[in-house]
């Protein structure tokens, strides 16, 4: 058929059949207060059944009987959803995740999904106060994961700053929570505190009699000062002997920015010695198994 066709049901509801074949449940009514005619969408068939459409129609008619425009109520609900903490947090995450590694972005969002959204996610962010945030952090603290509580506090603060900057909140309540959560117990890793013993450590590394690939990695660690994971995943394609540089691509870095590590004469010599052993492989330090 060339024109839309209305198949009437009852109490103002009908099925609108479009020329494309789409079938849409609709309801005509007069808006409370103004008396102007309006049409309310009730769903698309068959995703919404006839029974479900009638239930939605009846709910709308109850609102009309109470002097409430169902279309206005629906718009207010959508606006509230858009202004909720979860909606704004996900928007903030989407805006910034390109700067993070995929694993870090996923881990951050998961922490919010587990620790925050179930408790304040559906609430309008502008109405959240410091006690609301503290209640969320107290739940985490009760599990004994104090560091996670502090991390989540930081994430919530960043979401609030984004909400303030985009006009969805007027203030950030998180600064007033400083000191409300116990500090993270400090754990000191084994370290050399006497400068004279550093030389002995370097001599011990040079005297290591294990696999030469492992020995090279141990010798490079104090020369390059990179994270162990970054050193372990170094690739030969990233090493520039002519410029004496190791160029770590952005996707390997936590902050998603490329990083250049200068190579000292000693570092270049170690890599040159290692090249005949692993130079044909992708990684400078491939698995030994």
Protein backbone atom coordinates (compact mmCIF):
# COMPACT_ATOMS: atom_id res chain seq x y z
CA UNK A 1 0.00 0.00 0.00
CA UNK A 2 1.16 3.54 -0.78
CA UNK A 3 -0.15 5.24 2.37
CA UNK A 4 0.02 4.44 6.10
CA UNK A 5 -2.96 2.47 7.36
CA UNK A 6 -4.47 2.60 10.87
CA UNK A 7 -5.89 -0.60 12.35
CA UNK A 8 -8.02 0.53 15.30
CA UNK A 9 -7.95 -1.29 18.63
CA UNK A 10 -9.80 0.48 21.46
CA UNK A 11 -9.49 3.39 23.90
CA UNK A 12 -7.49 5.47 21.45
CA UNK A 13 -4.94 2.81 20.53
CA UNK A 14 -4.26 1.59 16.99
CA UNK A 15 -1.65 -0.20 14.91
CA UNK A 16 -0.07 2.07 12.30
CA UNK A 17 1.04 0.05 9.27
CA UNK A 18 3.64 1.89 7.21
CA UNK A 19 4.17 1.41 3.44
CA UNK A 20 7.54 -0.14 4.35
CA UNK A 21 5.76 -2.86 6.34
CA UNK A 22 6.68 -1.48 9.76
CA UNK A 23 3.89 -1.91 12.34
CA UNK A 24 3.78 0.65 15.14
CA UNK A 25 1.50 0.80 18.17
CA UNK A 26 0.21 4.34 18.73
CA UNK A 27 -2.31 6.08 20.96
CA UNK A 28 -4.07 9.38 20.32
CA UNK A 29 -5.07 11.52 23.30
CA UNK A 30 -5.62 15.11 24.39
CA UNK A 31 -2.95 16.69 26.55
CA UNK A 32 -4.08 17.59 30.09
CA UNK A 33 -4.31 21.33 30.60
CA UNK A 34 -4.21 22.37 26.94
CA UNK A 35 -6.60 19.88 25.34
CA UNK A 36 -4.34 19.68 22.28
CA UNK A 37 -4.25 16.39 20.38
CA UNK A 38 -1.08 14.35 20.67
CA UNK A 39 0.15 10.88 19.71
CA UNK A 40 2.07 8.58 22.05
CA UNK A 41 4.34 5.80 20.73
CA UNK A 42 3.68 2.48 22.49
CA UNK A 43 6.19 0.25 20.72
CA UNK A 44 6.97 -1.64 17.54
CA UNK A 45 5.25 -4.94 16.69
CA UNK A 46 6.30 -7.77 17.10
CA UNK A 47 8.97 -6.59 19.60
CA UNK A 48 6.05 -5.28 21.67
CA UNK A 49 3.04 -7.61 21.78
CA UNK A 50 -0.59 -6.47 21.61
CA UNK A 51 -0.96 -7.25 25.30
CA UNK A 52 2.10 -5.17 26.23
CA UNK A 53 0.90 -2.28 24.07
CA UNK A 54 -2.49 -2.32 25.80
CA UNK A 55 -0.80 -2.30 29.21
CA UNK A 56 1.24 0.73 28.19
CA UNK A 57 -1.91 2.41 26.90
CA UNK A 58 -3.69 1.77 30.20
CA UNK A 59 -0.74 3.17 32.17
CA UNK A 60 -0.78 6.28 29.99
CA UNK A 61 -4.52 6.75 30.47
CA UNK A 62 -4.10 6.56 34.26
CA UNK A 63 -1.56 9.39 34.05
CA UNK A 64 -3.95 11.44 31.91
CA UNK A 65 -6.72 10.88 34.46
CA UNK A 66 -4.38 12.32 37.11
CA UNK A 67 -3.69 15.37 34.94
CA UNK A 68 -0.22 14.21 33.85
CA UNK A 69 0.87 14.24 30.21
CA UNK A 70 2.43 10.78 29.53
CA UNK A 71 4.68 12.20 26.80
CA UNK A 72 6.07 14.81 29.19
CA UNK A 73 6.58 12.17 31.87
CA UNK A 74 8.47 9.98 29.39
CA UNK A 75 10.72 12.86 28.34
CA UNK A 76 11.44 13.63 31.99
CA UNK A 77 12.38 9.99 32.56
CA UNK A 78 14.76 9.99 29.60
CA UNK A 79 16.34 13.21 30.81
CA UNK A 80 16.79 11.73 34.29
CA UNK A 81 18.43 8.65 32.76
CA UNK A 82 20.79 10.86 30.75
CA UNK A 83 21.71 12.83 33.87
CA UNK A 84 22.30 9.75 36.04
CA UNK A 85 25.70 9.04 37.55
CA UNK A 86 26.08 5.86 35.49
CA UNK A 87 25.23 7.56 32.19
CA UNK A 88 27.71 10.37 32.81
CA UNK A 89 30.38 7.97 34.10
CA UNK A 90 30.09 5.85 30.95
CA UNK A 91 30.22 9.00 28.81
CA UNK A 92 33.36 10.14 30.65
CA UNK A 93 34.92 6.69 30.22
CA UNK A 94 34.13 6.66 26.49
CA UNK A 95 35.70 10.11 26.05
CA UNK A 96 38.95 9.17 27.76
CA UNK A 97 39.52 5.46 27.08
CA UNK A 98 41.56 6.17 23.93
CA UNK A 99 44.32 7.47 26.22
CA UNK A 100 44.49 4.22 28.18
CA UNK A 101 45.50 0.68 27.38
CA UNK A 102 42.51 -1.58 26.66
CA UNK A 103 43.16 -3.64 29.79
CA UNK A 104 43.30 -0.55 32.03
CA UNK A 105 40.13 0.93 30.49
CA UNK A 106 38.28 -2.36 30.98
CA UNK A 107 39.53 -2.71 34.56
CA UNK A 108 38.47 0.84 35.46
CA UNK A 109 34.97 0.44 34.06
CA UNK A 110 34.58 -2.94 35.75
CA UNK A 111 35.41 -1.38 39.13
CA UNK A 112 32.64 1.18 38.61
CA UNK A 113 30.18 -1.50 37.48
CA UNK A 114 30.83 -3.66 40.54
CA UNK A 115 31.36 -1.07 43.27
CA UNK A 116 29.40 2.05 42.28
CA UNK A 117 26.64 1.66 39.68
CA UNK A 118 24.49 -0.78 41.72
CA UNK A 119 24.20 1.80 44.52
CA UNK A 120 24.17 5.30 42.95
CA UNK A 121 24.26 4.62 39.20
CA UNK A 122 20.59 5.40 38.57
CA UNK A 123 20.53 8.57 40.66
CA UNK A 124 20.85 12.07 39.10
CA UNK A 125 24.45 13.12 39.57
CA UNK A 126 23.49 16.67 40.55
CA UNK A 127 21.63 15.35 43.59
CA UNK A 128 24.45 13.20 44.98
CA UNK A 129 26.07 14.46 48.19
CA UNK A 130 29.21 13.52 50.10
CA UNK A 131 27.36 11.07 52.42
CA UNK A 132 26.04 9.20 49.35
CA UNK A 133 29.58 8.76 48.03
CA UNK A 134 30.90 7.83 51.46
CA UNK A 135 28.31 5.06 51.77
CA UNK A 136 29.63 3.55 48.53
CA UNK A 137 33.22 3.72 49.76
CA UNK A 138 32.28 2.24 53.14
CA UNK A 139 30.93 -0.87 51.40
CA UNK A 140 34.29 -1.36 49.71
CA UNK A 141 36.15 -0.67 52.95
CA UNK A 142 34.06 -3.31 54.72
CA UNK A 143 35.45 -5.92 52.31
CA UNK A 144 38.95 -5.05 53.46
CA UNK A 145 40.15 -3.72 50.09
CA UNK A 146 41.22 -0.24 51.18
CA UNK A 147 43.30 0.45 48.07
CA UNK A 148 40.26 -0.26 45.87
CA UNK A 149 38.21 2.18 47.96
CA UNK A 150 40.76 4.92 47.31
CA UNK A 151 40.90 4.11 43.60
CA UNK A 152 37.11 4.22 43.31
CA UNK A 153 37.12 7.54 45.18
CA UNK A 154 39.49 8.91 42.53
CA UNK A 155 37.31 7.62 39.68
CA UNK A 156 34.15 9.13 41.20
CA UNK A 157 35.98 12.45 41.59
CA UNK A 158 36.97 12.43 37.91
CA UNK A 159 33.38 11.70 36.86
CA UNK A 160 32.13 14.60 38.98
CA UNK A 161 34.69 16.99 37.50
CA UNK A 162 33.53 15.97 34.05
CA UNK A 163 29.89 16.49 35.07
CA UNK A 164 30.68 19.97 36.41
CA UNK A 165 32.61 20.87 33.25
CA UNK A 166 29.73 19.74 31.03
CA UNK A 167 27.04 21.49 33.08
CA UNK A 168 25.39 18.40 34.59
CA UNK A 169 26.50 19.13 38.16
CA UNK A 170 27.28 22.33 40.04
CA UNK A 171 29.85 20.98 42.51
CA UNK A 172 32.13 18.04 43.22
CA UNK A 173 31.47 16.64 46.72
CA UNK A 174 34.44 14.25 46.72
CA UNK A 175 37.13 16.61 48.16
CA UNK A 176 35.23 16.72 51.47
CA UNK A 177 35.79 12.95 51.81
CA UNK A 178 39.55 13.23 52.21
CA UNK A 179 40.53 11.37 55.35
CA UNK A 180 37.20 9.56 55.62
CA UNK A 181 38.70 6.28 54.40
CA UNK A 182 41.71 4.73 56.20
CA UNK A 183 45.03 5.13 54.46
CA UNK A 184 46.45 2.21 52.52
CA UNK A 185 49.00 0.29 54.61
CA UNK A 186 52.46 0.85 53.19
CA UNK A 187 54.28 -2.23 51.99
CA UNK A 188 57.98 -1.75 51.35
CA UNK A 189 59.58 -3.92 48.70
CA UNK A 190 63.03 -5.34 49.23
CA UNK A 191 65.60 -2.67 48.42
CA UNK A 192 69.23 -1.72 48.81
CA UNK A 193 69.56 1.15 51.27
CA UNK A 194 73.35 1.34 51.41
CA UNK A 195 74.87 2.92 48.25
CA UNK A 196 77.97 0.78 48.54
CA UNK A 197 75.94 -2.38 47.98
CA UNK A 198 74.64 -1.25 44.58
CA UNK A 199 77.98 -2.04 43.01
CA UNK A 200 77.82 -5.55 44.42
CA UNK A 201 74.34 -6.02 42.89
CA UNK A 202 75.64 -4.97 39.46
CA UNK A 203 78.61 -7.33 39.80
CA UNK A 204 76.24 -10.15 40.76
CA UNK A 205 74.14 -9.46 37.65
CA UNK A 206 77.24 -9.60 35.46
CA UNK A 207 78.27 -12.87 37.12
CA UNK A 208 74.86 -14.51 36.56
CA UNK A 209 75.55 -17.92 35.01
CA UNK A 210 72.03 -18.76 33.82
CA UNK A 211 70.53 -18.41 30.35
CA UNK A 212 72.17 -15.57 28.36
CA UNK A 213 68.77 -14.08 27.45
CA UNK A 214 67.82 -13.84 31.12
CA UNK A 215 71.26 -12.42 31.93
CA UNK A 216 70.85 -9.72 29.27
CA UNK A 217 67.45 -8.71 30.65
CA UNK A 218 68.86 -8.45 34.18
CA UNK A 219 71.75 -6.32 32.96
CA UNK A 220 69.48 -3.97 30.98
CA UNK A 221 66.97 -3.40 33.79
CA UNK A 222 69.16 -0.94 35.78
CA UNK A 223 70.29 0.79 32.58
CA UNK A 224 66.84 1.49 31.13
CA UNK A 225 64.58 2.08 34.16
CA UNK A 226 61.39 0.81 32.50
CA UNK A 227 58.63 -1.34 33.96
CA UNK A 228 59.41 -5.08 33.99
CA UNK A 229 56.48 -5.77 31.66
CA UNK A 230 57.70 -3.18 29.16
CA UNK A 231 61.17 -4.69 29.12
CA UNK A 232 59.78 -8.23 28.81
CA UNK A 233 57.70 -7.23 25.77
CA UNK A 234 60.42 -5.30 23.95
CA UNK A 235 60.54 -6.08 20.21
CA UNK A 236 63.51 -5.90 17.88
CA UNK A 237 61.52 -3.70 15.48
CA UNK A 238 61.39 -1.05 18.23
CA UNK A 239 65.19 -0.92 18.65
CA UNK A 240 67.03 1.71 16.58
CA UNK A 241 70.77 1.06 16.84
CA UNK A 242 71.66 4.02 14.59
CA UNK A 243 69.94 6.51 16.92
CA UNK A 244 70.60 4.46 20.06
CA UNK A 245 66.90 4.54 20.93
CA UNK A 246 64.19 2.14 21.97
CA UNK A 247 60.85 3.45 20.72
CA UNK A 248 57.95 1.95 22.70
CA UNK A 249 54.68 2.40 20.73
CA UNK A 250 51.66 4.09 22.30
CA UNK A 251 49.51 0.95 22.52
CA UNK A 252 52.00 -0.60 24.95
CA UNK A 253 52.03 2.37 27.31
CA UNK A 254 49.55 2.93 30.14
CA UNK A 255 48.89 6.53 29.06
CA UNK A 256 48.63 5.60 25.36
CA UNK A 257 51.52 7.86 24.30
CA UNK A 258 54.72 6.70 22.54
CA UNK A 259 57.83 6.63 24.72
CA UNK A 260 61.49 6.90 23.68
CA UNK A 261 64.12 5.25 25.87
CA UNK A 262 67.71 6.40 25.16
CA UNK A 263 70.19 3.55 24.93
CA UNK A 264 73.56 4.03 26.59
CA UNK A 265 76.73 2.58 25.10
CA UNK A 266 76.52 -0.27 27.60
CA UNK A 267 72.86 -0.99 26.70
CA UNK A 268 73.66 -1.05 22.98
CA UNK A 269 76.54 -3.46 23.62
CA UNK A 270 74.28 -5.84 25.56
CA UNK A 271 71.66 -5.79 22.79
CA UNK A 272 74.30 -6.33 20.09
CA UNK A 273 75.55 -9.37 22.01
CA UNK A 274 71.97 -10.68 22.30
CA UNK A 275 71.04 -10.05 18.65
CA UNK A 276 72.57 -13.28 17.25
CA UNK A 277 70.52 -15.31 19.75
CA UNK A 278 67.06 -13.73 19.37
CA UNK A 279 67.39 -11.21 16.53
CA UNK A 280 65.30 -13.37 14.17
CA UNK A 281 62.45 -13.49 16.68
CA UNK A 282 59.78 -10.83 17.28
CA UNK A 283 60.69 -10.25 20.91
CA UNK A 284 64.09 -9.31 22.27
CA UNK A 285 63.43 -11.64 25.22
CA UNK A 286 61.30 -14.48 23.81
CA UNK A 287 59.95 -17.30 25.94
CA UNK A 288 62.59 -19.88 26.72
CA UNK A 289 60.05 -22.74 26.65
